[in-house]
Amino acid sequence: MRASCVAHPPKERLIILREWQVEACDGDRCAGLLLSFFEYWHNIKLEQSRKARESNDVAEKHGDERTQDESLYQFHTEKQLEEGLLGLYKRTKIKKSLEKLERLGYISIHNNPNPKYRFDRTRHFLFHSDAVNVFLANRGIKKSGQCDKSGGQSTDKSGQSDINGSAIPEITTETSSEITLKNKNNGVHAQIINYLNQKTGKKFSPTSRHTRGLIAARLREGYTLNDFKKVIDNKVMSWKGRIVDGAPMDNYLRPDTLFRPTKFESYLNELPYRQPEENNEAFAFWYRKPKDITKETEDEDIESLPYPGLEEKLQEVYDKLGGK
C-alpha cells in the first residue's frame, strides 16, 4: 500500500466502501459497509485459524487434544457493529442490512457454535467469500460483454477490454471453478422451487435473487436437495389447508419462511403432521374444533369410545374449552 502524504494517527478505525460492494448489495450502502467490515475480520480469522491448526497439529502429535479454535466464526455485538461503521448508521438500519446480507448469501448468522453454551443466544457470523467471489466473477463477465457490444473500448493483446485504462481482471481457474459450482447449483435451485410450487400450487420464481440466496446459504451449510424436499413435505402436511385465528397457514408456505436459517433445521427434524383417521372415533374427537363440540355430540361420542378412562379425560378437555 502506498504511503500517504498525510500522517494518519495509528490504530484508528477505518472502513472502506468499494463500488462493487454497493452493487452486490443492490445499492444498500450500509450493507456494503458491513460486507467490507466482515471481509476485514474474516481475513484476520483466516490467519488465526491457520495458527490454531498448526498448534493443534503439534498437540495431536504429542497425544494431546486439539484445543485451539480453528473456526472462522466472528462475534460482534450490536455496539461493535455500530462503531465499526463509524456511527454512520444506527442499529435499526444495521439489523435490516444484516438480514439483506444473509438473504444474498454473503454471510450466515448463528448461535454460539460451542455446544457448551447452547443457551447463549448471542449472534456469531460467518463470511462466505465464495459467494462474494462468484458475484465478482459474474460482474467481470457482464462488464466484459458490455464492452464487446459497445465496440468503443480498446482491448489488450489477450483480448481483454480496457475501460479507462484499467483492464478487467482475468478470470482465473479459481474463479472459473466457482462459476462452475454456481452453475451446478442453478439446477438444484430450480428443482427445489419447482418442487415447492408443485406441492403448494404456487408460482415462486427459481431465478429470484432473494430465494437463490436463501437456498445457497443452506447448501453451503451442508444441506441437500432431499433435505429441502423433506422440509417442504413436513410443512405442507402441517400447514396446507389449515386456518389458525382466521389466517390461512398456506401463506407461510414460501421460501422466506421455509428456508430461513433460524428455522430450517427444526423444520427438517419435525415429525410429519397426522391428519385425524376417519375410522378412529377417539382420535378424531381430539382433533375437533371447539365450535363443533356440543353436549349432544359429546355424549354420543363418549358412549362409543373404546378406550377405558378416556371419558374422564375428554370431559376435562371439554370443560377447559368452555363447556358446562
Protein backbone atom coordinates (compact mmCIF):
# COMPACT_ATOMS: atom_id res chain seq x y z
CA MET A 1 0.00 0.00 0.00
CA ARG A 2 1.31 3.43 -0.94
CA ALA A 3 2.44 5.77 1.82
CA SER A 4 0.18 8.78 2.29
CA CYS A 5 1.21 12.42 2.31
CA VAL A 6 -0.88 12.71 5.50
CA ALA A 7 0.46 11.35 8.78
CA HIS A 8 -2.64 9.41 9.84
CA PRO A 9 -2.87 8.54 13.55
CA PRO A 10 -2.03 4.85 14.04
CA LYS A 11 -4.60 2.19 15.00
CA GLU A 12 -7.63 4.32 14.24
CA ARG A 13 -10.78 2.68 12.93
CA LEU A 14 -11.08 2.66 9.16
CA ILE A 15 -13.91 1.49 6.91
CA ILE A 16 -13.58 1.18 3.13
CA LEU A 17 -16.55 1.09 0.79
CA ARG A 18 -15.95 -0.11 -2.76
CA GLU A 19 -18.21 0.38 -5.74
CA TRP A 20 -18.71 -3.35 -6.27
CA GLN A 21 -19.80 -3.79 -2.63
CA VAL A 22 -22.65 -1.34 -3.17
CA GLU A 23 -23.63 -3.16 -6.38
CA ALA A 24 -23.50 -6.54 -4.65
CA CYS A 25 -25.93 -5.24 -2.03
CA ASP A 26 -28.42 -3.74 -4.51
CA GLY A 27 -27.39 -0.19 -3.72
CA ASP A 28 -27.59 -0.58 0.07
CA ARG A 29 -24.51 1.31 1.28
CA CYS A 30 -24.94 0.17 4.87
CA ALA A 31 -24.92 -3.46 3.73
CA GLY A 32 -21.88 -2.70 1.56
CA LEU A 33 -20.01 -1.28 4.55
CA LEU A 34 -20.94 -4.34 6.62
CA LEU A 35 -19.67 -6.55 3.80
CA SER A 36 -16.35 -4.70 3.94
CA PHE A 37 -16.33 -4.98 7.74
CA PHE A 38 -16.91 -8.77 7.69
CA GLU A 39 -14.30 -9.25 4.96
CA TYR A 40 -11.70 -7.45 7.09
CA TRP A 41 -12.37 -9.64 10.14
CA HIS A 42 -12.63 -12.79 8.02
CA ASN A 43 -9.06 -12.23 6.80
CA ILE A 44 -7.93 -11.91 10.42
CA LYS A 45 -9.83 -15.10 11.34
CA LEU A 46 -8.16 -16.96 8.45
CA GLU A 47 -4.73 -16.17 9.86
CA GLN A 48 -5.83 -17.06 13.41
CA SER A 49 -7.30 -20.32 12.14
CA ARG A 50 -4.05 -21.19 10.37
CA LYS A 51 -2.02 -20.66 13.53
CA ALA A 52 -4.56 -22.58 15.63
CA ARG A 53 -4.42 -25.51 13.20
CA GLU A 54 -0.63 -25.60 13.39
CA SER A 55 -0.77 -25.60 17.21
CA ASN A 56 -3.40 -28.35 17.20
CA ASP A 57 -1.33 -30.46 14.82
CA VAL A 58 1.64 -30.23 17.18
CA ALA A 59 -0.53 -31.07 20.19
CA GLU A 60 -2.05 -34.04 18.39
CA LYS A 61 1.38 -35.44 17.54
CA HIS A 62 2.17 -35.43 21.27
CA GLY A 63 -1.08 -37.16 22.15
CA ASP A 64 -2.88 -34.06 23.39
CA GLU A 65 -6.30 -32.82 22.33
CA ARG A 66 -6.91 -30.16 19.70
CA THR A 67 -7.98 -27.31 21.98
CA GLN A 68 -7.32 -24.27 19.77
CA ASP A 69 -10.30 -22.77 17.93
CA GLU A 70 -9.88 -23.25 14.17
CA SER A 71 -13.33 -21.95 13.23
CA LEU A 72 -13.97 -18.80 11.21
CA TYR A 73 -16.88 -17.54 13.30
CA GLN A 74 -16.87 -13.83 14.08
CA PHE A 75 -18.59 -12.40 17.15
CA HIS A 76 -19.68 -8.76 17.13
CA THR A 77 -22.13 -7.06 19.46
CA GLU A 78 -24.60 -4.50 18.12
CA LYS A 79 -22.47 -1.77 19.63
CA GLN A 80 -19.32 -3.09 17.95
CA LEU A 81 -21.05 -3.21 14.57
CA GLU A 82 -22.28 0.36 15.02
CA GLU A 83 -18.80 1.55 16.00
CA GLY A 84 -17.23 -0.48 13.18
CA LEU A 85 -19.29 1.56 10.71
CA LEU A 86 -18.07 4.74 12.46
CA GLY A 87 -21.57 5.57 13.64
CA LEU A 88 -22.78 6.22 10.08
CA TYR A 89 -25.83 4.00 10.61
CA LYS A 90 -27.97 3.19 13.62
CA ARG A 91 -28.82 -0.28 14.89
CA THR A 92 -32.22 -0.50 13.21
CA LYS A 93 -30.69 0.05 9.76
CA ILE A 94 -27.78 -2.26 10.55
CA LYS A 95 -30.21 -5.02 11.50
CA LYS A 96 -32.05 -4.70 8.18
CA SER A 97 -28.79 -4.69 6.25
CA LEU A 98 -27.59 -7.81 8.09
CA GLU A 99 -30.79 -9.55 7.03
CA LYS A 100 -30.12 -8.50 3.43
CA LEU A 101 -26.55 -9.84 3.50
CA GLU A 102 -27.87 -13.14 4.83
CA ARG A 103 -30.58 -13.32 2.16
CA LEU A 104 -27.98 -12.70 -0.53
CA GLY A 105 -25.83 -15.49 0.87
CA TYR A 106 -22.79 -13.34 1.72
CA ILE A 107 -23.00 -14.11 5.44
CA SER A 108 -24.82 -16.51 7.72
CA ILE A 109 -25.85 -15.81 11.30
CA HIS A 110 -25.59 -18.47 14.01
CA ASN A 111 -25.99 -19.05 17.71
CA ASN A 112 -22.88 -19.73 19.76
CA PRO A 113 -21.21 -22.68 17.94
CA ASN A 114 -19.71 -24.04 21.17
CA PRO A 115 -22.00 -26.90 22.35
CA LYS A 116 -21.19 -26.00 25.96
CA TYR A 117 -23.02 -22.70 25.50
CA ARG A 118 -26.20 -23.71 23.70
CA PHE A 119 -28.14 -21.39 25.99
CA ASP A 120 -26.15 -18.44 24.63
CA ARG A 121 -28.26 -16.55 22.06
CA THR A 122 -25.59 -14.05 21.02
CA ARG A 123 -25.03 -13.93 17.27
CA HIS A 124 -21.97 -15.32 15.52
CA PHE A 125 -21.27 -14.51 11.88
CA LEU A 126 -19.69 -16.47 9.03
CA PHE A 127 -18.45 -14.57 5.98
CA HIS A 128 -18.88 -16.53 2.72
CA SER A 129 -16.10 -15.36 0.43
CA ASP A 130 -17.11 -17.95 -2.19
CA ALA A 131 -20.45 -16.21 -2.77
CA VAL A 132 -18.72 -12.83 -2.99
CA ASN A 133 -16.16 -14.13 -5.48
CA VAL A 134 -18.89 -15.64 -7.66
CA PHE A 135 -20.61 -12.24 -7.76
CA LEU A 136 -17.34 -10.53 -8.72
CA ALA A 137 -16.59 -13.10 -11.41
CA ASN A 138 -20.05 -12.69 -12.94
CA ARG A 139 -19.76 -8.92 -12.65
CA GLY A 140 -16.50 -9.06 -14.60
CA ILE A 141 -18.11 -11.20 -17.29
CA LYS A 142 -21.06 -8.82 -17.63
CA LYS A 143 -18.79 -5.79 -17.90
CA SER A 144 -16.64 -7.58 -20.46
CA GLY A 145 -19.73 -8.42 -22.51
CA GLN A 146 -20.92 -4.82 -22.39
CA CYS A 147 -17.57 -3.62 -23.66
CA ASP A 148 -17.58 -6.11 -26.54
CA LYS A 149 -21.06 -4.92 -27.59
CA SER A 150 -20.18 -1.24 -27.39
CA GLY A 151 -17.30 -1.58 -29.82
CA GLY A 152 -15.85 1.62 -28.44
CA GLN A 153 -13.47 0.11 -25.90
CA SER A 154 -9.91 -0.90 -26.58
CA THR A 155 -8.59 -4.38 -25.90
CA ASP A 156 -5.14 -5.59 -24.95
CA LYS A 157 -3.26 -8.41 -26.67
CA SER A 158 -5.06 -11.03 -24.65
CA GLY A 159 -8.42 -9.74 -25.87
CA GLN A 160 -9.48 -8.33 -22.52
CA SER A 161 -11.32 -5.00 -22.56
CA ASP A 162 -9.69 -1.90 -21.17
CA ILE A 163 -12.02 0.64 -19.56
CA ASN A 164 -10.44 3.99 -18.79
CA GLY A 165 -7.04 2.33 -18.83
CA SER A 166 -7.98 -0.36 -16.27
CA ALA A 167 -8.04 -3.90 -17.61
CA ILE A 168 -10.83 -6.21 -16.46
CA PRO A 169 -9.45 -8.79 -14.03
CA GLU A 170 -8.56 -12.11 -15.63
CA ILE A 171 -10.96 -14.98 -14.93
CA THR A 172 -8.63 -17.48 -13.29
CA THR A 173 -9.01 -21.21 -12.75
CA GLU A 174 -10.16 -20.48 -9.20
CA THR A 175 -12.97 -18.14 -10.21
CA SER A 176 -13.92 -20.39 -13.13
CA SER A 177 -14.40 -23.29 -10.74
CA GLU A 178 -16.61 -21.08 -8.58
CA ILE A 179 -18.75 -20.26 -11.63
CA THR A 180 -18.95 -23.97 -12.45
CA LEU A 181 -20.11 -24.67 -8.88
CA LYS A 182 -22.72 -21.94 -9.13
CA ASN A 183 -23.97 -23.31 -12.45
CA LYS A 184 -24.22 -26.74 -10.87
CA ASN A 185 -26.30 -25.31 -8.04
CA ASN A 186 -28.52 -23.48 -10.51
CA GLY A 187 -30.18 -26.80 -11.29
CA VAL A 188 -30.69 -27.50 -7.59
CA HIS A 189 -32.33 -24.10 -7.08
CA ALA A 190 -34.78 -24.82 -9.88
CA GLN A 191 -35.54 -28.34 -8.60
CA ILE A 192 -36.27 -27.04 -5.09
CA ILE A 193 -38.55 -24.21 -6.21
CA ASN A 194 -40.33 -26.38 -8.79
CA TYR A 195 -40.96 -28.97 -6.07
CA LEU A 196 -42.30 -26.28 -3.75
CA ASN A 197 -44.60 -24.95 -6.49
CA GLN A 198 -45.82 -28.46 -7.25
CA LYS A 199 -46.68 -29.18 -3.62
CA THR A 200 -48.27 -25.81 -2.86
CA GLY A 201 -49.82 -24.84 -6.19
CA LYS A 202 -47.91 -21.54 -6.12
CA LYS A 203 -45.65 -19.88 -8.68
CA PHE A 204 -42.40 -18.88 -7.00
CA SER A 205 -39.60 -17.96 -9.39
CA PRO A 206 -36.41 -20.07 -9.27
CA THR A 207 -34.45 -17.06 -10.57
CA SER A 208 -35.37 -14.74 -7.67
CA ARG A 209 -32.15 -13.42 -6.17
CA HIS A 210 -33.59 -13.42 -2.68
CA THR A 211 -34.76 -17.04 -2.96
CA ARG A 212 -31.49 -18.18 -4.51
CA GLY A 213 -29.58 -16.54 -1.67
CA LEU A 214 -31.58 -18.47 0.95
CA ILE A 215 -31.07 -21.77 -0.86
CA ALA A 216 -27.36 -21.13 -1.49
CA ALA A 217 -26.77 -20.37 2.18
CA ARG A 218 -28.41 -23.65 3.28
CA LEU A 219 -26.48 -25.63 0.64
CA ARG A 220 -23.22 -24.19 1.96
CA GLU A 221 -24.19 -25.41 5.42
CA GLY A 222 -24.27 -28.95 4.02
CA TYR A 223 -27.99 -29.47 3.45
CA THR A 224 -29.03 -31.46 0.37
CA LEU A 225 -31.81 -31.43 -2.19
CA ASN A 226 -33.59 -34.19 -0.25
CA ASP A 227 -33.39 -32.09 2.93
CA PHE A 228 -35.19 -29.24 1.16
CA LYS A 229 -37.85 -31.63 -0.12
CA LYS A 230 -38.38 -33.04 3.37
CA VAL A 231 -38.81 -29.56 4.85
CA ILE A 232 -41.36 -28.76 2.14
CA ASP A 233 -43.21 -32.04 2.72
CA ASN A 234 -43.28 -31.58 6.50
CA LYS A 235 -44.67 -28.06 6.37
CA VAL A 236 -47.16 -28.79 3.57
CA MET A 237 -48.53 -31.59 5.75
CA SER A 238 -48.70 -29.23 8.74
CA TRP A 239 -49.94 -26.03 7.13
CA LYS A 240 -51.69 -26.61 3.81
CA GLY A 241 -55.42 -26.01 4.11
CA ARG A 242 -55.27 -25.10 7.82
CA ILE A 243 -56.61 -21.86 9.25
CA VAL A 244 -55.37 -20.51 12.60
CA ASP A 245 -57.05 -17.49 14.17
CA GLY A 246 -58.69 -16.72 10.86
CA ALA A 247 -55.40 -16.69 8.92
CA PRO A 248 -54.60 -19.38 6.32
CA MET A 249 -51.34 -21.15 7.13
CA ASP A 250 -50.78 -21.61 3.38
CA ASN A 251 -49.41 -18.07 3.38
CA TYR A 252 -46.33 -19.33 5.21
CA LEU A 253 -45.54 -21.96 2.56
CA ARG A 254 -42.95 -19.70 0.97
CA PRO A 255 -39.14 -19.72 0.62
CA ASP A 256 -38.68 -16.83 3.05
CA THR A 257 -40.27 -18.89 5.84
CA LEU A 258 -39.26 -22.44 4.93
CA PHE A 259 -35.58 -21.80 4.16
CA ARG A 260 -34.72 -19.21 6.79
CA PRO A 261 -31.55 -20.10 8.77
CA THR A 262 -33.19 -19.96 12.20
CA LYS A 263 -35.96 -22.44 11.31
CA PHE A 264 -34.69 -24.77 8.58
CA GLU A 265 -33.10 -27.36 10.86
CA SER A 266 -36.13 -27.57 13.17
CA TYR A 267 -38.50 -27.90 10.19
CA LEU A 268 -36.30 -30.68 8.81
CA ASN A 269 -36.46 -32.67 12.04
CA GLU A 270 -40.17 -32.25 12.70
CA LEU A 271 -42.41 -35.30 12.83
CA PRO A 272 -44.93 -35.19 9.98
CA TYR A 273 -48.36 -33.87 10.96
CA ARG A 274 -51.03 -36.60 11.32
CA GLN A 275 -54.50 -35.96 9.99
CA PRO A 276 -57.35 -37.49 12.03
CA GLU A 277 -58.23 -41.00 10.98
CA GLU A 278 -61.79 -41.35 9.77
CA ASN A 279 -62.17 -44.83 11.26
CA ASN A 280 -60.76 -43.88 14.65
CA GLU A 281 -63.52 -42.13 16.60
CA ALA A 282 -61.42 -41.39 19.67
CA PHE A 283 -58.56 -39.92 17.63
CA ALA A 284 -60.95 -37.84 15.53
CA PHE A 285 -62.63 -36.47 18.68
CA TRP A 286 -59.36 -34.97 19.92
CA TYR A 287 -58.99 -33.02 16.67
CA ARG A 288 -62.46 -31.49 16.68
CA LYS A 289 -62.68 -27.73 16.70
CA PRO A 290 -64.23 -26.31 19.88
CA LYS A 291 -67.19 -24.86 17.95
CA ASP A 292 -68.03 -28.36 16.63
CA ILE A 293 -68.33 -29.87 20.09
CA THR A 294 -71.76 -29.75 21.71
CA LYS A 295 -73.15 -31.55 24.72
CA GLU A 296 -75.18 -33.84 22.46
CA THR A 297 -72.28 -34.86 20.22
CA GLU A 298 -70.08 -35.23 23.27
CA ASP A 299 -72.45 -37.68 24.97
CA GLU A 300 -73.00 -39.60 21.76
CA ASP A 301 -69.30 -39.97 21.02
CA ILE A 302 -68.21 -40.76 24.57
CA GLU A 303 -70.62 -43.65 24.81
CA SER A 304 -68.98 -45.32 21.81
CA LEU A 305 -65.36 -44.70 22.75
CA PRO A 306 -63.46 -47.99 23.15
CA TYR A 307 -60.72 -46.70 25.47
CA PRO A 308 -61.18 -47.09 29.27
CA GLY A 309 -60.60 -43.90 31.26
CA LEU A 310 -60.78 -41.71 28.20
CA GLU A 311 -64.22 -40.36 29.06
CA GLU A 312 -62.91 -38.51 32.12
CA LYS A 313 -60.02 -37.05 30.18
CA LEU A 314 -62.28 -35.84 27.39
CA GLN A 315 -64.64 -34.27 29.91
CA GLU A 316 -61.70 -32.40 31.41
CA VAL A 317 -60.68 -31.11 27.99
CA TYR A 318 -64.25 -30.12 27.19
CA ASP A 319 -64.51 -28.16 30.45
CA LYS A 320 -61.33 -26.26 29.63
CA LEU A 321 -62.80 -25.36 26.25
CA GLY A 322 -65.70 -23.65 27.97
CA GLY A 323 -68.24 -26.47 28.24
CA LYS A 324 -70.67 -26.51 31.12
